[in-house]
């Protein structure tokens, strides 16, 4: 998004001083981080909490933590696979591994 689009959208999400916000993005050379409306949403959330623009890494890490927490809450409310179906699926995958003599499952901690 360009500067004009950022200003319009920031006003649309009720950011009080949009000019100061955009100037801070430009000053820290973070204007590129407002590429989409969703990006601008989390940038304004950061701005409201800290009243400043942080280092790129801090802002991105904070956003990733919030997205992970949101995904975890969303996943929690989804229907889960019943244990008997899960067990059957695991047994079938194990059988396929044995019959094919290849590894299609691996642990995240193990290097294949």
N, C-alpha and C. Protein backbone atom coordinates (compact mmCIF):
# COMPACT_ATOMS: atom_id res chain seq x y z
N UNK A 1 0.84 -1.17 0.00
CA UNK A 1 0.00 0.00 0.00
C UNK A 1 0.89 1.24 0.00
N UNK A 2 0.40 2.28 -0.62
CA UNK A 2 1.16 3.53 -0.61
C UNK A 2 0.74 4.38 0.59
N UNK A 3 1.42 5.50 0.75
CA UNK A 3 1.20 6.37 1.91
C UNK A 3 -0.26 6.81 2.02
N UNK A 4 -0.86 7.19 0.91
CA UNK A 4 -2.24 7.67 0.91
C UNK A 4 -3.20 6.57 1.36
N UNK A 5 -3.00 5.36 0.85
CA UNK A 5 -3.86 4.23 1.23
C UNK A 5 -3.71 3.91 2.72
N UNK A 6 -2.47 3.98 3.21
CA UNK A 6 -2.23 3.71 4.63
C UNK A 6 -2.96 4.73 5.49
N UNK A 7 -2.87 6.00 5.11
CA UNK A 7 -3.56 7.05 5.87
C UNK A 7 -5.08 6.82 5.89
N UNK A 8 -5.65 6.49 4.75
CA UNK A 8 -7.10 6.27 4.66
C UNK A 8 -7.52 5.09 5.53
N UNK A 9 -6.79 3.98 5.40
CA UNK A 9 -7.16 2.79 6.16
C UNK A 9 -6.92 2.99 7.66
N UNK A 10 -5.85 3.67 8.02
CA UNK A 10 -5.58 3.93 9.44
C UNK A 10 -6.69 4.78 10.05
N UNK A 11 -7.19 5.75 9.29
CA UNK A 11 -8.33 6.54 9.77
C UNK A 11 -9.56 5.66 9.90
N UNK A 12 -9.72 4.74 8.95
CA UNK A 12 -10.86 3.83 8.96
C UNK A 12 -10.88 2.89 10.16
N UNK A 13 -9.71 2.58 10.70
CA UNK A 13 -9.66 1.72 11.89
C UNK A 13 -9.46 2.55 13.15
N UNK A 14 -9.83 3.83 13.03
CA UNK A 14 -9.91 4.75 14.18
C UNK A 14 -8.58 5.01 14.87
N UNK A 15 -7.53 5.12 14.12
CA UNK A 15 -6.25 5.52 14.70
C UNK A 15 -6.28 7.03 14.85
N UNK A 16 -5.95 7.51 16.04
CA UNK A 16 -6.11 8.93 16.37
C UNK A 16 -5.25 9.85 15.50
N UNK A 17 -3.97 9.67 15.50
CA UNK A 17 -3.07 10.58 14.77
C UNK A 17 -2.37 9.81 13.66
N UNK A 18 -3.04 9.71 12.53
CA UNK A 18 -2.52 8.89 11.43
C UNK A 18 -1.24 9.46 10.84
N UNK A 19 -1.13 10.77 10.77
CA UNK A 19 0.07 11.39 10.21
C UNK A 19 1.31 11.05 11.02
N UNK A 20 1.19 11.11 12.34
CA UNK A 20 2.32 10.77 13.21
C UNK A 20 2.70 9.30 13.05
N UNK A 21 1.68 8.45 12.96
CA UNK A 21 1.90 7.02 12.78
C UNK A 21 2.67 6.74 11.48
N UNK A 22 2.20 7.31 10.38
CA UNK A 22 2.85 7.08 9.08
C UNK A 22 4.25 7.69 9.07
N UNK A 23 4.40 8.85 9.67
CA UNK A 23 5.73 9.48 9.75
C UNK A 23 6.69 8.59 10.53
N UNK A 24 6.21 7.96 11.60
CA UNK A 24 7.05 7.04 12.38
C UNK A 24 7.43 5.82 11.56
N UNK A 25 6.49 5.30 10.79
CA UNK A 25 6.80 4.17 9.89
C UNK A 25 7.88 4.56 8.89
N UNK A 26 7.73 5.74 8.31
CA UNK A 26 8.72 6.20 7.33
C UNK A 26 10.07 6.48 7.98
N UNK A 27 10.04 7.06 9.16
CA UNK A 27 11.30 7.37 9.86
C UNK A 27 12.10 6.10 10.17
N UNK A 28 11.40 5.06 10.60
CA UNK A 28 12.07 3.80 10.94
C UNK A 28 12.26 2.90 9.71
N UNK A 29 11.88 3.41 8.54
CA UNK A 29 11.97 2.67 7.28
C UNK A 29 11.18 1.36 7.34
N UNK A 30 10.03 1.42 7.99
CA UNK A 30 9.15 0.26 8.12
C UNK A 30 7.88 0.39 7.29
N UNK A 31 7.81 1.37 6.44
CA UNK A 31 6.61 1.59 5.64
C UNK A 31 6.28 0.36 4.78
N UNK A 32 7.31 -0.38 4.40
CA UNK A 32 7.10 -1.58 3.58
C UNK A 32 6.31 -2.66 4.33
N UNK A 33 6.32 -2.58 5.67
CA UNK A 33 5.62 -3.59 6.46
C UNK A 33 4.11 -3.42 6.40
N UNK A 34 3.63 -2.30 5.91
CA UNK A 34 2.20 -2.06 5.77
C UNK A 34 1.75 -2.39 4.35
N UNK A 35 2.10 -3.57 3.89
CA UNK A 35 1.81 -3.96 2.51
C UNK A 35 0.35 -4.32 2.29
N UNK A 36 -0.32 -4.81 3.32
CA UNK A 36 -1.72 -5.23 3.20
C UNK A 36 -2.53 -4.64 4.35
N UNK A 37 -3.85 -4.63 4.22
CA UNK A 37 -4.67 -4.15 5.33
C UNK A 37 -4.44 -4.92 6.62
N UNK A 38 -4.23 -6.22 6.52
CA UNK A 38 -3.97 -7.03 7.72
C UNK A 38 -2.65 -6.60 8.37
N UNK A 39 -1.63 -6.31 7.57
CA UNK A 39 -0.36 -5.82 8.10
C UNK A 39 -0.58 -4.51 8.85
N UNK A 40 -1.36 -3.63 8.24
CA UNK A 40 -1.61 -2.34 8.86
C UNK A 40 -2.37 -2.51 10.17
N UNK A 41 -3.24 -3.49 10.20
CA UNK A 41 -4.01 -3.75 11.43
C UNK A 41 -3.08 -4.08 12.59
N UNK A 42 -2.12 -4.99 12.38
CA UNK A 42 -1.25 -5.34 13.50
C UNK A 42 -0.23 -4.25 13.80
N UNK A 43 0.16 -3.47 12.78
CA UNK A 43 1.05 -2.34 13.03
C UNK A 43 0.35 -1.30 13.91
N UNK A 44 -0.92 -1.05 13.64
CA UNK A 44 -1.64 -0.09 14.48
C UNK A 44 -1.87 -0.64 15.88
N UNK A 45 -2.06 -1.94 16.00
CA UNK A 45 -2.17 -2.55 17.34
C UNK A 45 -0.87 -2.32 18.12
N UNK A 46 0.26 -2.52 17.46
CA UNK A 46 1.56 -2.30 18.10
C UNK A 46 1.69 -0.82 18.49
N UNK A 47 1.32 0.06 17.59
CA UNK A 47 1.40 1.50 17.83
C UNK A 47 0.56 1.89 19.05
N UNK A 48 -0.63 1.36 19.14
CA UNK A 48 -1.51 1.68 20.27
C UNK A 48 -0.94 1.19 21.60
N UNK A 49 -0.33 0.04 21.59
CA UNK A 49 0.25 -0.52 22.82
C UNK A 49 1.51 0.23 23.25
N UNK A 50 2.36 0.58 22.29
CA UNK A 50 3.68 1.13 22.62
C UNK A 50 3.83 2.62 22.31
N UNK A 51 2.89 3.18 21.57
CA UNK A 51 2.95 4.56 21.12
C UNK A 51 4.26 4.86 20.38
N UNK A 52 4.75 3.86 19.70
CA UNK A 52 5.95 4.01 18.88
C UNK A 52 6.04 2.85 17.92
N UNK A 53 6.97 2.96 16.99
CA UNK A 53 7.26 1.86 16.08
C UNK A 53 8.56 1.24 16.56
N UNK A 54 8.53 -0.06 16.79
CA UNK A 54 9.70 -0.74 17.33
C UNK A 54 10.64 -1.22 16.24
N UNK A 55 11.59 -2.02 16.67
CA UNK A 55 12.50 -2.63 15.72
C UNK A 55 11.72 -3.66 14.91
N UNK A 56 12.12 -3.85 13.68
CA UNK A 56 11.40 -4.76 12.78
C UNK A 56 11.23 -6.14 13.41
N UNK A 57 12.30 -6.68 13.97
CA UNK A 57 12.25 -8.02 14.54
C UNK A 57 11.26 -8.10 15.69
N UNK A 58 11.28 -7.11 16.60
CA UNK A 58 10.37 -7.11 17.74
C UNK A 58 8.92 -7.06 17.30
N UNK A 59 8.65 -6.22 16.32
CA UNK A 59 7.27 -6.09 15.85
C UNK A 59 6.81 -7.37 15.16
N UNK A 60 7.67 -7.96 14.34
CA UNK A 60 7.29 -9.18 13.64
C UNK A 60 7.14 -10.35 14.61
N UNK A 61 8.03 -10.46 15.58
CA UNK A 61 7.96 -11.54 16.56
C UNK A 61 6.68 -11.42 17.38
N UNK A 62 6.35 -10.22 17.78
CA UNK A 62 5.12 -10.01 18.54
C UNK A 62 3.90 -10.40 17.75
N UNK A 63 3.89 -10.05 16.49
CA UNK A 63 2.77 -10.40 15.63
C UNK A 63 2.66 -11.91 15.46
N UNK A 64 3.76 -12.58 15.28
CA UNK A 64 3.73 -14.04 15.13
C UNK A 64 3.21 -14.72 16.39
N UNK A 65 3.59 -14.20 17.56
CA UNK A 65 3.07 -14.76 18.82
C UNK A 65 1.56 -14.59 18.90
N UNK A 66 1.06 -13.42 18.52
CA UNK A 66 -0.39 -13.19 18.56
C UNK A 66 -1.11 -14.09 17.56
N UNK A 67 -0.55 -14.25 16.37
CA UNK A 67 -1.18 -15.13 15.38
C UNK A 67 -1.20 -16.58 15.84
N UNK A 68 -0.12 -17.02 16.49
CA UNK A 68 -0.06 -18.38 17.00
C UNK A 68 -1.10 -18.58 18.10
N UNK A 69 -1.25 -17.59 18.97
CA UNK A 69 -2.24 -17.69 20.05
C UNK A 69 -3.65 -17.72 19.46
N UNK A 70 -3.89 -16.89 18.44
CA UNK A 70 -5.21 -16.87 17.79
C UNK A 70 -5.49 -18.21 17.12
N UNK A 71 -4.50 -18.76 16.45
CA UNK A 71 -4.67 -20.05 15.77
C UNK A 71 -4.91 -21.15 16.79
N UNK A 72 -4.23 -21.08 17.93
CA UNK A 72 -4.41 -22.10 18.96
C UNK A 72 -5.83 -22.04 19.51
N UNK A 73 -6.35 -20.84 19.75
CA UNK A 73 -7.74 -20.71 20.23
C UNK A 73 -8.71 -21.22 19.18
N UNK A 74 -8.47 -20.91 17.92
CA UNK A 74 -9.34 -21.36 16.84
C UNK A 74 -9.30 -22.88 16.73
N UNK A 75 -8.10 -23.44 16.80
CA UNK A 75 -7.95 -24.89 16.70
C UNK A 75 -8.64 -25.60 17.87
N UNK A 76 -8.59 -25.01 19.04
CA UNK A 76 -9.18 -25.61 20.23
C UNK A 76 -10.67 -25.84 20.05
N UNK A 77 -11.34 -24.92 19.37
CA UNK A 77 -12.78 -25.02 19.23
C UNK A 77 -13.23 -25.87 18.05
N UNK A 78 -12.32 -26.28 17.20
CA UNK A 78 -12.69 -27.14 16.08
C UNK A 78 -12.97 -28.55 16.60
N UNK A 79 -13.79 -29.27 15.86
CA UNK A 79 -14.05 -30.66 16.22
C UNK A 79 -12.76 -31.45 16.09
N UNK A 80 -12.53 -32.30 17.06
CA UNK A 80 -11.33 -33.13 17.01
C UNK A 80 -11.68 -34.51 16.47
N UNK A 81 -10.69 -35.21 16.03
CA UNK A 81 -10.86 -36.57 15.53
C UNK A 81 -11.06 -37.50 16.73
N UNK A 82 -12.11 -38.33 16.70
CA UNK A 82 -12.32 -39.26 17.81
C UNK A 82 -11.13 -40.20 17.96
N UNK A 83 -10.80 -40.60 19.21
CA UNK A 83 -9.63 -41.45 19.44
C UNK A 83 -9.62 -42.75 18.64
N UNK A 84 -10.77 -43.39 18.47
CA UNK A 84 -10.78 -44.65 17.73
C UNK A 84 -10.43 -44.44 16.26
N UNK A 85 -10.90 -43.34 15.66
CA UNK A 85 -10.54 -43.05 14.27
C UNK A 85 -9.06 -42.65 14.17
N UNK A 86 -8.59 -41.95 15.16
CA UNK A 86 -7.18 -41.57 15.18
C UNK A 86 -6.29 -42.80 15.27
N UNK A 87 -6.67 -43.74 16.13
CA UNK A 87 -5.90 -44.97 16.31
C UNK A 87 -5.89 -45.78 15.01
N UNK A 88 -7.05 -45.88 14.36
CA UNK A 88 -7.15 -46.61 13.09
C UNK A 88 -6.26 -45.97 12.03
N UNK A 89 -6.29 -44.67 11.94
CA UNK A 89 -5.45 -43.97 10.97
C UNK A 89 -3.97 -44.19 11.24
N UNK A 90 -3.59 -44.15 12.50
CA UNK A 90 -2.18 -44.38 12.86
C UNK A 90 -1.76 -45.80 12.51
N UNK A 91 -2.62 -46.76 12.76
CA UNK A 91 -2.30 -48.16 12.44
C UNK A 91 -2.14 -48.34 10.92
N UNK A 92 -2.98 -47.69 10.16
CA UNK A 92 -2.87 -47.80 8.70
C UNK A 92 -1.59 -47.16 8.18
N UNK A 93 -1.21 -46.02 8.75
CA UNK A 93 0.05 -45.39 8.35
C UNK A 93 1.24 -46.28 8.72
N UNK A 94 1.19 -46.89 9.90
CA UNK A 94 2.28 -47.78 10.32
C UNK A 94 2.36 -48.98 9.39
N UNK A 95 1.22 -49.53 9.00
CA UNK A 95 1.21 -50.67 8.08
C UNK A 95 1.78 -50.26 6.72
N UNK A 96 1.41 -49.10 6.24
CA UNK A 96 1.93 -48.62 4.96
C UNK A 96 3.44 -48.45 5.04
N UNK A 97 3.93 -47.93 6.17
CA UNK A 97 5.38 -47.80 6.37
C UNK A 97 6.06 -49.15 6.29
N UNK A 98 5.49 -50.13 6.98
CA UNK A 98 6.09 -51.47 7.01
C UNK A 98 6.07 -52.12 5.63
N UNK A 99 4.96 -52.02 4.93
CA UNK A 99 4.83 -52.66 3.62
C UNK A 99 5.69 -51.99 2.56
N UNK A 100 5.81 -50.70 2.61
CA UNK A 100 6.58 -49.98 1.60
C UNK A 100 8.07 -49.89 1.94
N UNK A 101 8.40 -50.24 3.14
CA UNK A 101 9.79 -50.18 3.61
C UNK A 101 10.39 -48.79 3.41
N UNK A 102 9.56 -47.79 3.61
CA UNK A 102 10.08 -46.43 3.54
C UNK A 102 9.50 -45.62 4.70
N UNK A 103 10.21 -44.57 5.01
CA UNK A 103 9.76 -43.73 6.12
C UNK A 103 8.92 -42.58 5.59
N UNK A 104 7.65 -42.59 5.94
CA UNK A 104 6.81 -41.45 5.57
C UNK A 104 6.47 -40.60 6.78
N UNK A 105 6.81 -41.11 7.94
CA UNK A 105 6.62 -40.35 9.18
C UNK A 105 7.97 -40.14 9.83
N UNK A 106 8.16 -38.98 10.39
CA UNK A 106 9.41 -38.72 11.10
C UNK A 106 9.14 -37.79 12.27
N UNK A 107 10.02 -37.79 13.20
CA UNK A 107 9.90 -36.90 14.36
C UNK A 107 10.50 -35.55 13.98
N UNK A 108 9.96 -34.50 14.55
CA UNK A 108 10.49 -33.17 14.27
C UNK A 108 11.90 -33.01 14.86
N UNK A 109 12.20 -33.75 15.93
CA UNK A 109 13.51 -33.62 16.56
C UNK A 109 14.56 -34.48 15.87
N UNK A 110 14.14 -35.37 15.03
CA UNK A 110 15.07 -36.28 14.36
C UNK A 110 15.37 -35.78 12.96
N UNK A 111 16.60 -35.88 12.55
CA UNK A 111 16.96 -35.47 11.20
C UNK A 111 16.90 -36.68 10.27
N UNK A 112 16.19 -36.57 9.17
CA UNK A 112 16.02 -37.71 8.25
C UNK A 112 17.17 -37.82 7.27
